[in-house]
Protein backbone atom coordinates (compact mmCIF):
# COMPACT_ATOMS: atom_id res chain seq x y z
CA UNK A 1 15.28 -27.58 25.87
CA UNK A 2 12.69 -26.18 28.30
CA UNK A 3 9.39 -27.25 26.72
CA UNK A 4 7.28 -25.03 28.95
CA UNK A 5 9.35 -21.98 28.00
CA UNK A 6 9.17 -23.10 24.36
CA UNK A 7 5.36 -23.25 24.42
CA UNK A 8 5.04 -19.96 26.27
CA UNK A 9 7.35 -18.27 23.76
CA UNK A 10 5.25 -19.76 20.98
CA UNK A 11 2.14 -18.29 22.58
CA UNK A 12 3.84 -14.89 22.76
CA UNK A 13 4.76 -15.09 19.07
CA UNK A 14 1.18 -16.06 18.19
CA UNK A 15 -0.04 -12.99 20.07
CA UNK A 16 2.51 -10.78 18.30
CA UNK A 17 1.45 -12.22 14.94
CA UNK A 18 -2.13 -11.30 15.72
CA UNK A 19 -1.15 -7.71 16.48
CA UNK A 20 1.02 -7.25 13.39
CA UNK A 21 -0.32 -6.49 9.93
CA UNK A 22 1.87 -9.09 8.25
CA UNK A 23 -0.10 -11.42 5.96
CA UNK A 24 1.47 -14.87 5.73
CA UNK A 25 0.69 -17.20 2.83
CA UNK A 26 1.86 -20.82 2.98
CA UNK A 27 2.51 -22.72 -0.27
CA UNK A 28 3.54 -26.35 -0.77
CA UNK A 29 2.95 -27.61 2.76
CA UNK A 30 2.02 -30.98 1.25
CA UNK A 31 5.70 -31.39 0.29
CA UNK A 32 6.79 -31.66 3.93
CA UNK A 33 7.66 -35.37 4.39
CA UNK A 34 7.32 -37.60 7.43
CA UNK A 35 10.74 -38.00 8.95
CA UNK A 36 13.60 -36.05 10.47
CA UNK A 37 13.79 -32.67 8.77
CA UNK A 38 16.18 -29.77 8.44
CA UNK A 39 14.43 -26.78 6.89
CA UNK A 40 16.90 -24.55 5.00
CA UNK A 41 15.57 -21.02 4.55
CA UNK A 42 16.78 -17.75 3.02
CA UNK A 43 17.50 -15.10 5.64
CA UNK A 44 16.46 -11.48 5.08
CA UNK A 45 14.96 -10.34 8.40
CA UNK A 46 14.88 -11.32 12.05
CA UNK A 47 11.19 -12.04 11.50
CA UNK A 48 12.06 -15.48 10.11
CA UNK A 49 13.82 -16.44 13.34
CA UNK A 50 10.57 -16.00 15.28
CA UNK A 51 7.65 -16.62 12.94
CA UNK A 52 8.91 -19.54 10.86
CA UNK A 53 9.42 -21.94 13.80
CA UNK A 54 5.88 -21.14 14.95
CA UNK A 55 4.31 -21.84 11.55
CA UNK A 56 6.39 -24.94 10.82
CA UNK A 57 5.53 -26.27 14.29
CA UNK A 58 1.83 -26.03 13.36
CA UNK A 59 2.42 -27.67 9.97
CA UNK A 60 4.33 -30.69 11.35
CA UNK A 61 1.88 -31.99 13.96
CA UNK A 62 3.40 -29.93 16.76
CA UNK A 63 6.92 -31.32 16.45
CA UNK A 64 9.20 -28.76 18.18
CA UNK A 65 11.22 -26.68 15.74
CA UNK A 66 14.65 -25.52 16.84
CA UNK A 67 17.00 -23.35 14.86
CA UNK A 68 20.62 -22.37 14.53
CA UNK A 69 21.14 -18.63 14.85
CA UNK A 70 24.22 -16.44 14.62
CA UNK A 71 25.97 -16.15 17.98
CA UNK A 72 25.82 -12.34 17.81
CA UNK A 73 22.03 -12.45 18.23
CA UNK A 74 22.18 -14.03 21.68
CA UNK A 75 22.31 -10.77 23.58
CA UNK A 76 19.84 -9.14 25.92
CA UNK A 77 16.09 -9.71 25.80
CA UNK A 78 16.09 -10.82 22.16
CA UNK A 79 18.72 -13.46 22.94
CA UNK A 80 16.62 -14.77 25.83
CA UNK A 81 13.60 -15.02 23.52
CA UNK A 82 15.65 -16.90 20.92
CA UNK A 83 16.69 -19.49 23.49
CA UNK A 84 13.09 -19.96 24.62
CA UNK A 85 11.86 -20.59 21.07
CA UNK A 86 14.52 -23.24 20.53
CA UNK A 87 17.35 -21.32 18.89
CA UNK A 88 20.91 -22.58 19.40
CA UNK A 89 23.99 -20.43 18.93
CA UNK A 90 26.25 -21.30 16.02
CA UNK A 91 29.11 -21.23 18.56
CA UNK A 92 27.52 -23.65 21.02
CA UNK A 93 30.20 -26.36 21.57
CA UNK A 94 27.53 -29.10 21.67
CA UNK A 95 25.71 -27.79 18.60
CA UNK A 96 26.39 -30.65 16.16
CA UNK A 97 25.82 -33.38 18.72
CA UNK A 98 22.49 -31.83 19.76
CA UNK A 99 21.30 -31.48 16.16
CA UNK A 100 22.20 -35.04 15.15
CA UNK A 101 20.73 -36.55 18.32
CA UNK A 102 17.39 -34.71 17.96
CA UNK A 103 17.16 -35.67 14.28
CA UNK A 104 17.88 -39.31 15.04
CA UNK A 105 15.12 -39.46 17.64
CA UNK A 106 12.72 -37.16 15.79
CA UNK A 107 12.22 -35.07 18.91
CA UNK A 108 12.70 -31.87 16.91
CA UNK A 109 12.98 -30.47 13.41
CA UNK A 110 15.58 -27.80 12.66
CA UNK A 111 15.75 -24.50 10.81
CA UNK A 112 19.13 -23.53 9.40
CA UNK A 113 19.91 -20.42 7.38
CA UNK A 114 22.55 -21.50 4.83
CA UNK A 115 23.68 -17.92 4.18
CA UNK A 116 24.91 -17.82 7.78
CA UNK A 117 23.49 -14.34 8.41
CA UNK A 118 20.87 -11.90 7.18
CA UNK A 119 21.44 -11.02 3.53
CA UNK A 120 20.13 -7.48 3.69
CA UNK A 121 21.04 -6.52 0.13
CA UNK A 122 19.70 -9.83 -1.28
CA UNK A 123 22.89 -10.06 -3.34
CA UNK A 124 23.64 -13.78 -3.47
CA UNK A 125 24.80 -14.31 -7.07
CA UNK A 126 28.23 -13.38 -8.39
CA UNK A 127 29.52 -14.53 -11.77
CA UNK A 128 26.78 -17.15 -11.93
CA UNK A 129 27.61 -18.69 -8.54
CA UNK A 130 26.11 -18.35 -5.09
CA UNK A 131 28.16 -15.88 -3.07
CA UNK A 132 26.96 -14.13 0.08
CA UNK A 133 27.80 -10.45 0.56
CA UNK A 134 27.95 -9.09 4.09
CA UNK A 135 29.49 -6.23 6.05
CA UNK A 136 32.81 -8.06 6.39
CA UNK A 137 33.17 -9.21 2.79
CA UNK A 138 31.93 -12.26 0.91
CA UNK A 139 31.68 -16.00 1.44
CA UNK A 140 29.96 -18.97 -0.24
CA UNK A 141 26.85 -20.46 1.39
CA UNK A 142 27.51 -22.77 4.33
CA UNK A 143 27.30 -26.54 3.94
CA UNK A 144 26.43 -27.02 7.63
CA UNK A 145 22.85 -28.16 7.02
CA UNK A 146 23.99 -30.75 4.47
CA UNK A 147 26.83 -31.96 6.71
CA UNK A 148 24.55 -32.38 9.73
CA UNK A 149 21.96 -34.22 7.65
CA UNK A 150 24.64 -36.57 6.26
CA UNK A 151 26.06 -37.24 9.73
CA UNK A 152 22.57 -37.99 11.03
CA UNK A 153 21.85 -40.46 8.26
CA UNK A 154 25.32 -41.99 8.62
CA UNK A 155 24.75 -42.81 12.31
CA UNK A 156 21.15 -43.92 11.70
CA UNK A 157 22.23 -46.45 9.11
CA UNK A 158 25.26 -47.49 11.14
CA UNK A 159 23.08 -48.25 14.18
CA UNK A 160 20.68 -50.19 11.96
CA UNK A 161 23.54 -52.27 10.50
CA UNK A 162 25.30 -52.79 13.83
CA UNK A 163 22.04 -53.93 15.41
CA UNK A 164 22.16 -56.85 12.96
CA UNK A 165 25.84 -57.79 13.19
CA UNK A 166 27.28 -56.17 16.37
CA UNK A 167 24.48 -55.41 18.86
CA UNK A 168 26.93 -54.14 21.48
CA UNK A 169 28.32 -51.51 19.09
CA UNK A 170 24.77 -50.49 18.17
CA UNK A 171 23.96 -50.07 21.86
CA UNK A 172 27.16 -48.11 22.46
CA UNK A 173 26.34 -45.75 19.56
CA UNK A 174 22.80 -45.25 20.85
CA UNK A 175 24.14 -44.45 24.33
CA UNK A 176 26.51 -41.91 22.78
CA UNK A 177 23.39 -39.96 21.75
CA UNK A 178 21.35 -40.73 24.86
CA UNK A 179 18.93 -42.92 22.89
CA UNK A 180 17.02 -45.60 24.80
CA UNK A 181 14.92 -47.27 22.09
CA UNK A 182 16.59 -47.82 18.72
CA UNK A 183 13.62 -49.12 16.71
CA UNK A 184 11.98 -45.66 16.29
CA UNK A 185 15.34 -44.37 15.02
CA UNK A 186 15.44 -47.07 12.32
CA UNK A 187 11.93 -46.20 11.10
CA UNK A 188 12.84 -42.65 10.11
CA UNK A 189 14.73 -41.03 7.23
CA UNK A 190 16.53 -37.70 7.13
CA UNK A 191 15.38 -34.96 4.77
CA UNK A 192 16.37 -31.42 3.92
CA UNK A 193 13.42 -29.24 2.88
CA UNK A 194 14.26 -25.98 1.05
CA UNK A 195 12.04 -23.02 2.01
CA UNK A 196 11.76 -19.55 0.51
CA UNK A 197 10.31 -16.51 2.25
CA UNK A 198 9.58 -13.48 0.04
CA UNK A 199 8.41 -10.13 1.43
CA UNK A 200 6.29 -7.60 -0.46
CA UNK A 201 6.45 -4.67 -0.25
CA UNK A 202 9.85 -3.90 1.28
CA UNK A 203 9.71 -0.45 2.84
CA UNK A 204 11.71 1.16 5.62
CA UNK A 205 10.52 4.31 7.35
CA UNK A 206 10.42 5.91 10.75
CA UNK A 207 7.79 4.07 12.78
CA UNK A 208 6.43 3.68 16.31
CA UNK A 209 8.83 0.85 17.20
CA UNK A 210 11.79 2.85 15.95
CA UNK A 211 10.81 5.93 17.95
CA UNK A 212 10.14 3.85 21.08
CA UNK A 213 13.55 2.15 20.82
CA UNK A 214 15.33 5.48 20.45
CA UNK A 215 13.44 6.80 23.48
CA UNK A 216 14.34 3.80 25.66
CA UNK A 217 17.93 3.24 24.51
CA UNK A 218 20.59 5.92 24.24
CA UNK A 219 22.96 5.77 21.27
CA UNK A 220 21.08 2.96 19.55
CA UNK A 221 23.50 1.26 17.08
CA UNK A 222 22.86 2.16 13.44
CA UNK A 223 22.50 -1.52 12.55
CA UNK A 224 19.65 -1.98 15.04
CA UNK A 225 18.03 1.29 13.97
CA UNK A 226 17.93 0.10 10.35
CA UNK A 227 16.48 -3.26 11.31
CA UNK A 228 13.72 -1.73 13.41
CA UNK A 229 12.89 0.77 10.66
CA UNK A 230 12.65 -1.89 7.95
CA UNK A 231 11.13 -4.77 9.87
CA UNK A 232 9.01 -2.51 12.08
CA UNK A 233 7.47 -0.95 8.98
CA UNK A 234 6.70 -4.43 7.64
CA UNK A 235 4.94 -5.47 10.83
CA UNK A 236 3.08 -2.22 11.47
CA UNK A 237 2.21 -1.10 7.93
CA UNK A 238 1.59 -4.52 6.46
CA UNK A 239 3.61 -6.90 4.33
CA UNK A 240 2.80 -10.05 2.38
CA UNK A 241 5.09 -12.94 3.33
CA UNK A 242 4.94 -15.83 0.87
CA UNK A 243 6.48 -18.97 2.39
CA UNK A 244 7.11 -21.76 -0.12
CA UNK A 245 8.22 -25.30 0.67
CA UNK A 246 10.24 -27.05 -2.02
CA UNK A 247 10.72 -30.71 -2.88
CA UNK A 248 12.42 -32.58 -0.01
CA UNK A 249 15.96 -33.85 -0.49
CA UNK A 250 16.27 -37.46 0.69
CA UNK A 251 19.69 -37.71 2.33
CA UNK A 252 19.64 -41.51 2.30
CA UNK A 253 20.40 -41.40 -1.43
CA UNK A 254 23.72 -39.68 -0.72
CA UNK A 255 24.98 -42.54 1.48
CA UNK A 256 24.88 -45.23 -1.23
CA UNK A 257 28.50 -44.69 -2.26
CA UNK A 258 30.72 -47.75 -1.76
CA UNK A 259 33.24 -45.97 0.48
CA UNK A 260 30.55 -44.39 2.67
CA UNK A 261 28.82 -47.78 2.98
CA UNK A 262 32.13 -49.31 3.98
CA UNK A 263 32.45 -46.85 6.89
CA UNK A 264 28.83 -47.46 7.88
CA UNK A 265 29.56 -51.20 8.04
CA UNK A 266 32.95 -50.77 9.80
CA UNK A 267 33.04 -53.26 12.70
CA UNK A 268 35.03 -51.22 15.16
CA UNK A 269 33.80 -48.39 17.40
CA UNK A 270 33.33 -44.98 15.77
CA UNK A 271 32.86 -42.01 18.07
CA UNK A 272 31.05 -38.81 17.14
CA UNK A 273 34.07 -36.75 16.12
CA UNK A 274 36.32 -39.57 14.93
CA UNK A 275 37.83 -39.02 11.47
CA UNK A 276 36.59 -41.59 8.95
CA UNK A 277 38.08 -42.49 5.54
CA UNK A 278 34.99 -41.29 3.63
CA UNK A 279 35.04 -37.85 5.28
CA UNK A 280 36.33 -36.09 2.16
CA UNK A 281 33.74 -37.85 0.01
CA UNK A 282 30.98 -36.80 2.40
CA UNK A 283 32.30 -33.25 2.27
CA UNK A 284 31.94 -33.28 -1.52
CA UNK A 285 28.43 -34.69 -1.15
CA UNK A 286 27.61 -31.86 1.25
CA UNK A 287 28.73 -29.34 -1.37
CA UNK A 288 26.46 -30.95 -3.96
CA UNK A 289 23.53 -30.99 -1.54
CA UNK A 290 24.16 -27.34 -0.64
CA UNK A 291 24.14 -26.34 -4.30
CA UNK A 292 20.90 -28.23 -4.77
CA UNK A 293 19.05 -26.62 -1.87
CA UNK A 294 20.36 -23.13 -2.64
CA UNK A 295 19.07 -23.43 -6.20
CA UNK A 296 15.75 -24.68 -4.88
CA UNK A 297 15.40 -21.93 -2.26
CA UNK A 298 15.96 -19.09 -4.67
CA UNK A 299 14.04 -20.63 -7.55
CA UNK A 300 10.96 -20.32 -5.32
CA UNK A 301 11.19 -16.52 -4.99
CA UNK A 302 7.68 -15.07 -5.31
CA UNK A 303 7.98 -12.48 -8.07
CA UNK A 304 6.13 -9.20 -7.48
CA UNK A 305 5.66 -5.81 -9.15
CA UNK A 306 8.53 -4.17 -7.25
CA UNK A 307 10.90 -6.85 -8.56
CA UNK A 308 9.90 -6.18 -12.16
CA UNK A 309 9.91 -2.39 -12.00
CA UNK A 310 13.28 -2.34 -10.23
CA UNK A 311 14.93 -4.89 -12.53
CA UNK A 312 13.77 -3.27 -15.76
CA UNK A 313 14.53 0.25 -14.51
CA UNK A 314 18.10 -0.76 -13.68
CA UNK A 315 18.67 -2.71 -16.90
CA UNK A 316 17.27 -0.15 -19.36
CA UNK A 317 20.32 1.53 -20.98
CA UNK A 318 18.80 5.01 -20.81
CA UNK A 319 19.08 7.68 -18.17
CA UNK A 320 15.77 9.29 -19.19
CA UNK A 321 12.83 6.88 -19.38
CA UNK A 322 9.22 7.51 -20.37
CA UNK A 323 6.99 6.39 -17.48
CA UNK A 324 4.47 4.79 -19.85
CA UNK A 325 7.28 2.95 -21.60
CA UNK A 326 8.43 1.44 -18.29
CA UNK A 327 4.87 0.38 -17.48
CA UNK A 328 4.48 -1.29 -20.88
CA UNK A 329 7.68 -3.28 -20.39
CA UNK A 330 6.55 -4.46 -16.97
CA UNK A 331 3.15 -5.32 -18.46
CA UNK A 332 4.76 -7.53 -21.11
CA UNK A 333 7.02 -9.33 -18.64
CA UNK A 334 4.24 -9.84 -16.10
CA UNK A 335 1.74 -10.99 -18.72
CA UNK A 336 3.85 -13.02 -21.11
CA UNK A 337 7.18 -13.99 -19.54
CA UNK A 338 6.86 -14.97 -15.87
CA UNK A 339 4.86 -18.15 -16.46
CA UNK A 340 7.05 -19.10 -19.42
CA UNK A 341 10.10 -18.77 -17.16
CA UNK A 342 8.52 -21.16 -14.64
CA UNK A 343 8.45 -18.60 -11.82
CA UNK A 344 6.09 -18.23 -8.90
CA UNK A 345 4.01 -15.06 -8.84
CA UNK A 346 2.65 -12.85 -6.10
CA UNK A 347 -1.14 -12.99 -6.05
CA UNK A 348 -1.35 -9.46 -7.49
CA UNK A 349 0.41 -10.68 -10.65
CA UNK A 350 -2.11 -13.47 -11.16
CA UNK A 351 -4.78 -10.94 -12.11
CA UNK A 352 -5.04 -9.05 -15.40
CA UNK A 353 -2.31 -6.40 -15.62
CA UNK A 354 -3.99 -3.87 -17.95
CA UNK A 355 -4.30 -1.49 -14.99
CA UNK A 356 -0.58 -0.82 -15.47
CA UNK A 357 -1.41 0.68 -18.88
CA UNK A 358 -4.45 2.67 -17.80
CA UNK A 359 -5.12 4.17 -14.36
CA UNK A 360 -2.69 2.28 -12.07
CA UNK A 361 -5.65 1.87 -9.72
CA UNK A 362 -3.79 -0.58 -7.49
CA UNK A 363 -0.87 1.87 -7.17
CA UNK A 364 1.74 -0.68 -8.22
CA UNK A 365 3.71 1.83 -10.25
CA UNK A 366 3.04 4.87 -8.08
CA UNK A 367 4.09 3.08 -4.87
CA UNK A 368 7.31 1.83 -6.44
CA UNK A 369 8.30 5.11 -8.07
CA UNK A 370 7.45 7.02 -4.89
CA UNK A 371 9.96 4.92 -2.94
CA UNK A 372 12.61 5.32 -5.64
CA UNK A 373 12.05 9.08 -5.70
CA UNK A 374 12.18 9.45 -1.91
CA UNK A 375 15.47 7.57 -1.80
CA UNK A 376 16.93 9.89 -4.43
CA UNK A 377 17.76 7.22 -7.01
CA UNK A 378 15.36 8.78 -9.55
CA UNK A 379 13.66 12.10 -10.31
CA UNK A 380 10.40 12.64 -12.18
CA UNK A 381 10.00 15.37 -14.77
CA UNK A 382 6.97 15.76 -17.04
CA UNK A 383 6.12 12.09 -17.40
CA UNK A 384 9.75 10.97 -17.53
CA UNK A 385 11.97 9.21 -14.99
CA UNK A 386 15.53 10.49 -14.66
CA UNK A 387 17.81 7.81 -13.22
CA UNK A 388 20.72 8.63 -10.96
CA UNK A 389 22.87 5.79 -12.26
CA UNK A 390 25.61 6.48 -9.72
CA UNK A 391 23.27 6.13 -6.73
CA UNK A 392 21.55 3.08 -8.20
CA UNK A 393 24.82 1.21 -8.59
CA UNK A 394 26.78 2.68 -5.67
CA UNK A 395 27.77 0.05 -3.05
CA UNK A 396 25.79 1.23 -0.02
CA UNK A 397 26.69 0.31 3.54
CA UNK A 398 25.47 -3.25 4.11
CA UNK A 399 23.44 -2.34 7.19
CA UNK A 400 21.82 0.68 5.48
CA UNK A 401 21.07 -0.68 2.02
CA UNK A 402 17.43 -1.64 2.76
CA UNK A 403 16.79 1.95 3.86
CA UNK A 404 18.94 3.87 1.38
CA UNK A 405 18.61 1.83 -1.82
CA UNK A 406 15.64 -0.56 -1.67
CA UNK A 407 15.41 -0.47 -5.49
CA UNK A 408 18.74 -2.31 -5.77
CA UNK A 409 17.61 -4.79 -3.10
CA UNK A 410 14.43 -5.50 -5.08
CA UNK A 411 16.39 -6.08 -8.29
CA UNK A 412 19.00 -8.26 -6.57
CA UNK A 413 16.35 -10.69 -5.38
CA UNK A 414 15.54 -11.72 -8.96
CA UNK A 415 19.14 -12.39 -10.00
CA UNK A 416 19.03 -16.15 -9.26
CA UNK A 417 16.04 -16.59 -11.62
CA UNK A 418 18.16 -17.03 -14.74
CA UNK A 419 15.28 -17.70 -17.13
CA UNK A 420 13.36 -14.62 -16.04
CA UNK A 421 16.53 -12.52 -16.01
CA UNK A 422 17.13 -13.39 -19.65
CA UNK A 423 13.63 -12.23 -20.58
CA UNK A 424 13.93 -9.04 -18.51
CA UNK A 425 17.26 -8.22 -20.12
CA UNK A 426 15.85 -8.74 -23.60
CA UNK A 427 12.76 -6.61 -23.01
CA UNK A 428 14.81 -3.87 -21.31
CA UNK A 429 16.99 -3.46 -24.40
CA UNK A 430 14.23 -3.40 -27.02
CA UNK A 431 13.39 0.00 -28.58
CA UNK A 432 10.23 1.75 -27.40
CA UNK A 433 8.41 1.49 -30.74
CA UNK A 434 8.80 -2.29 -30.69
CA UNK A 435 7.44 -2.45 -27.13
CA UNK A 436 4.36 -0.48 -28.22
CA UNK A 437 3.89 -2.79 -31.19
CA UNK A 438 4.10 -5.88 -28.99
CA UNK A 439 1.58 -4.49 -26.50
CA UNK A 440 -0.98 -3.52 -29.16
CA UNK A 441 -0.60 -6.83 -31.00
CA UNK A 442 -0.93 -8.79 -27.76
CA UNK A 443 -4.12 -6.97 -26.71
CA UNK A 444 -5.73 -7.27 -30.15
CA UNK A 445 -4.87 -10.95 -30.38
CA UNK A 446 -6.27 -11.53 -26.89
CA UNK A 447 -9.53 -9.75 -27.76
CA UNK A 448 -9.95 -11.82 -30.94
CA UNK A 449 -9.23 -15.09 -29.13
CA UNK A 450 -11.62 -14.14 -26.33
CA UNK A 451 -14.40 -13.49 -28.86
CA UNK A 452 -13.68 -16.70 -30.76
CA UNK A 453 -13.86 -18.76 -27.55
CA UNK A 454 -17.10 -17.09 -26.43
CA UNK A 455 -18.66 -17.42 -29.88
CA UNK A 456 -17.87 -21.13 -30.10
CA UNK A 457 -19.09 -21.74 -26.56
CA UNK A 458 -22.43 -19.92 -26.89
CA UNK A 459 -23.16 -20.56 -30.57
CA UNK A 460 -26.82 -21.39 -31.24
CA UNK A 461 -27.21 -22.98 -34.66
CA UNK A 462 -29.67 -21.10 -36.85
CA UNK A 463 -30.04 -18.29 -34.31
CA UNK A 464 -26.61 -16.74 -33.60
CA UNK A 465 -25.49 -14.01 -36.00
CA UNK A 466 -22.43 -14.37 -38.20
CA UNK A 467 -19.15 -14.15 -36.28
CA UNK A 468 -17.99 -11.03 -38.14
CA UNK A 469 -20.92 -9.11 -36.60
CA UNK A 470 -19.54 -9.42 -33.08
CA UNK A 471 -15.83 -9.50 -33.83
CA UNK A 472 -13.75 -6.53 -32.58
CA UNK A 473 -11.77 -4.74 -35.28
CA UNK A 474 -8.99 -2.22 -35.76
CA UNK A 475 -8.98 0.38 -38.54
CA UNK A 476 -5.46 1.51 -39.38
CA UNK A 477 -4.82 5.24 -39.66
CA UNK A 478 -2.33 7.22 -41.68
CA UNK A 479 -0.41 8.56 -38.67
CA UNK A 480 0.00 7.74 -35.00
CA UNK A 481 -1.23 11.17 -33.93
CA UNK A 482 -4.85 10.28 -33.04
CA UNK A 483 -6.86 7.18 -32.23
CA UNK A 484 -10.59 6.89 -31.52
CA UNK A 485 -12.13 4.17 -29.36
CA UNK A 486 -15.74 3.48 -30.45
CA UNK A 487 -17.94 1.58 -28.00
CA UNK A 488 -21.18 -0.03 -29.17
CA UNK A 489 -24.44 -0.03 -27.23
CA UNK A 490 -26.36 -2.57 -25.18
CA UNK A 491 -27.47 -5.71 -27.07
CA UNK A 492 -25.52 -4.46 -30.09
CA UNK A 493 -22.09 -5.37 -31.48
CA UNK A 494 -18.92 -3.74 -32.90
CA UNK A 495 -20.43 -3.82 -36.41
CA UNK A 496 -22.85 -1.13 -35.17
CA UNK A 497 -19.93 1.32 -35.35
CA UNK A 498 -18.72 0.28 -38.82
CA UNK A 499 -19.95 3.33 -40.71
CA UNK A 500 -18.49 5.87 -38.28
CA UNK A 501 -15.28 3.86 -38.01
CA UNK A 502 -14.94 3.82 -41.78
CA UNK A 503 -15.50 7.56 -42.00
CA UNK A 504 -12.87 8.31 -39.35
CA UNK A 505 -10.48 5.87 -40.96
CA UNK A 506 -10.89 7.75 -44.22
CA UNK A 507 -9.67 10.86 -42.42
CA UNK A 508 -6.47 9.02 -41.47
CA UNK A 509 -7.50 8.33 -37.87
CA UNK A 510 -6.85 5.01 -36.12
CA UNK A 511 -10.09 3.44 -34.85
CA UNK A 512 -10.66 0.48 -32.58
CA UNK A 513 -14.12 -0.97 -31.94
CA UNK A 514 -13.96 -3.39 -29.00
CA UNK A 515 -16.58 -6.03 -28.28
CA UNK A 516 -18.20 -5.39 -24.93
CA UNK A 517 -18.06 -8.81 -23.25
CA UNK A 518 -21.25 -10.86 -23.62
CA UNK A 519 -22.30 -9.18 -26.88
CA UNK A 520 -22.10 -10.56 -30.41
CA UNK A 521 -22.65 -14.15 -29.27
CA UNK A 522 -25.98 -15.09 -27.66
CA UNK A 523 -28.47 -13.88 -25.01
CA UNK A 524 -27.22 -16.61 -22.67
CA UNK A 525 -23.70 -15.19 -22.81
CA UNK A 526 -24.90 -11.64 -22.15
CA UNK A 527 -27.11 -12.73 -19.25
CA UNK A 528 -24.15 -14.14 -17.36
CA UNK A 529 -21.89 -11.10 -17.65
CA UNK A 530 -21.14 -8.43 -15.05
CA UNK A 531 -20.77 -4.72 -15.60
CA UNK A 532 -17.12 -4.96 -14.50
CA UNK A 533 -16.47 -7.15 -17.55
CA UNK A 534 -17.90 -4.45 -19.81
CA UNK A 535 -15.62 -1.87 -18.19
CA UNK A 536 -12.64 -4.16 -18.75
CA UNK A 537 -13.47 -4.58 -22.45
CA UNK A 538 -13.36 -0.81 -22.95
CA UNK A 539 -10.26 -0.41 -20.79
CA UNK A 540 -8.43 -3.03 -22.87
CA UNK A 541 -9.38 -1.07 -25.97
CA UNK A 542 -7.90 2.12 -24.56
CA UNK A 543 -4.68 0.30 -23.61
CA UNK A 544 -4.42 -1.05 -27.16
CA UNK A 545 -4.94 2.33 -28.86
CA UNK A 546 -2.69 4.23 -26.44
CA UNK A 547 0.15 1.90 -27.42
CA UNK A 548 -0.34 2.99 -31.05
CA UNK A 549 -1.38 6.64 -30.90
CA UNK A 550 -0.09 9.69 -29.07
CA UNK A 551 -3.63 10.92 -28.35
CA UNK A 552 -6.77 8.85 -27.74
CA UNK A 553 -10.43 9.91 -27.79
CA UNK A 554 -13.20 7.61 -26.58
CA UNK A 555 -16.86 7.73 -27.52
CA UNK A 556 -19.88 5.50 -27.64
CA UNK A 557 -23.58 5.09 -28.21
CA UNK A 558 -26.19 4.38 -25.52
CA UNK A 559 -24.66 2.00 -22.96
CA UNK A 560 -21.38 2.36 -24.83
CA UNK A 561 -21.57 6.09 -24.16
CA UNK A 562 -21.92 5.37 -20.45
CA UNK A 563 -18.87 3.11 -20.61
CA UNK A 564 -16.95 5.84 -22.44
CA UNK A 565 -17.78 8.33 -19.70
CA UNK A 566 -16.77 5.82 -17.03
CA UNK A 567 -13.39 5.39 -18.71
CA UNK A 568 -12.93 9.15 -19.02
CA UNK A 569 -13.59 9.55 -15.29
CA UNK A 570 -10.50 7.41 -14.53
CA UNK A 571 -8.04 7.96 -17.38
CA UNK A 572 -6.48 11.39 -17.05
CA UNK A 573 -4.53 11.12 -20.31
CA UNK A 574 -7.58 10.83 -22.55
CA UNK A 575 -7.63 13.66 -25.08
CA UNK A 576 -11.40 13.70 -25.38
CA UNK A 577 -14.70 11.92 -24.87
CA UNK A 578 -18.08 12.03 -26.60
CA UNK A 579 -21.29 10.34 -25.52
CA UNK A 580 -24.28 9.76 -27.82
CA UNK A 581 -27.53 9.08 -25.95
CA UNK A 582 -25.82 8.01 -22.72
CA UNK A 583 -27.93 6.43 -19.97
CA UNK A 584 -28.57 8.83 -17.10
CA UNK A 585 -30.21 6.47 -14.60
CA UNK A 586 -31.88 3.07 -14.32
CA UNK A 587 -35.63 3.47 -14.71
CA UNK A 588 -36.68 -0.11 -13.98
CA UNK A 589 -36.40 -0.69 -10.22
CA UNK A 590 -35.82 -4.43 -10.73
CA UNK A 591 -32.64 -3.74 -12.70
CA UNK A 592 -30.94 -1.83 -9.90
């Protein structure tokens, strides 16, 4: 391998990374062990072939990182670049010997994609088993990474044993791999490290790279056009790439079998491709290792909003779906189920998800539904989503699926997460009224727990008021037609609104009086709060009532009136707002 070319290619990739808008987040780098490593990684774009070696190189004390890549990629300029960054064709006749030798010496780590090719539709589960779909059909994941790791550890341990009992055979084996000093070989172990790369968002549109390629190349193949559209959009428009390293698999443990040990200790020459009695046993071990790293790779998928919207949309057994109903289901899964299922979450899911029920200010729903609508898999009519079930389930051309049906691609990526799939399936089948009930109960319970925790934390004996003064409360109405959100004023508490709440409740109206955060406890609590927390308290109240009532009106007194007006400025579905003595401006300069 030309090290100068390798470093120059790495510099070029670093420059390209600086120009792109891709945001790369590394998780679990502390799991990378010292030793000889094969990194096994899921393969969705060509981006992995270039960027992952660069980042792993930096994470492993500048140990060169080489990779196996499909032979079809070694064409033209891109093929030249692959060779310079340390990629080896899967059809290279010296492939296995090169991999084992470099792992024995530790001169390089390796990246291997066990799917064998890009899985553009992310469909890798069939009838509960890993099965890779591609343009030519289907095949199980490759065991090549496991086989190469086992062969490496076999020869490492054989050299170590022969050095003790047959030094000449140890020397002959070392020469077979071009190894001068054997001691450094004995000091290492072989590991396989599973890695997952998740992209968010996945979008494919016409872009500058696509137009440039069409200008420079006549009759650009459709496959290349699709790849430039999808991956070019990621690089130019911005994409989050979460790279997660899993627990390393120590290959040494798989060589403890009696029959494998017998071959390791065999006192006659064994050449690189000689058949050995334990070959079948090692093949079975490779299958077990493959299953283990495939499960690890896909269990580390970073779940995002697109995954949840797509999965629930496809699993709901209705053609016509209320938009708010879909948002509530995603809210429940993202708030209650992902952590329970032991899944990793995109950073946007680690924040409070009430925005899904209110103004969608981060555009999580609107961005997703816009893509689905543009691709023709759904239509929107008067607050409802009309699914085109045929298009959603139709088997698109493998090389066009990321462009033509990204919703299916998003949903496919979650299929290996069995625990989360079970929860998504359950919540997708529940009736709408039960979803509303769960949302309102969850938000009320959260508000009560939040108050209880704050009250206990800031309680001042003999000075704090009784807990019922500051506790939020819900007045049940006679019908679900109308709900009123009553917001108390500054340095007051929900009990301030009791009389009005009781009057409205007597008229059959639902009423919810939230506690504005920091109130109803102590001055110390209030002094440490921010205005954004007050806004959130009111927003939570609206989300709660809107899950119960068809129409919601918000009103408040003094500072509560200002908060009511703030909410009304963002929530288009509010049926009304009233403000009693609202603040118009800050009069004390020091409070600005």
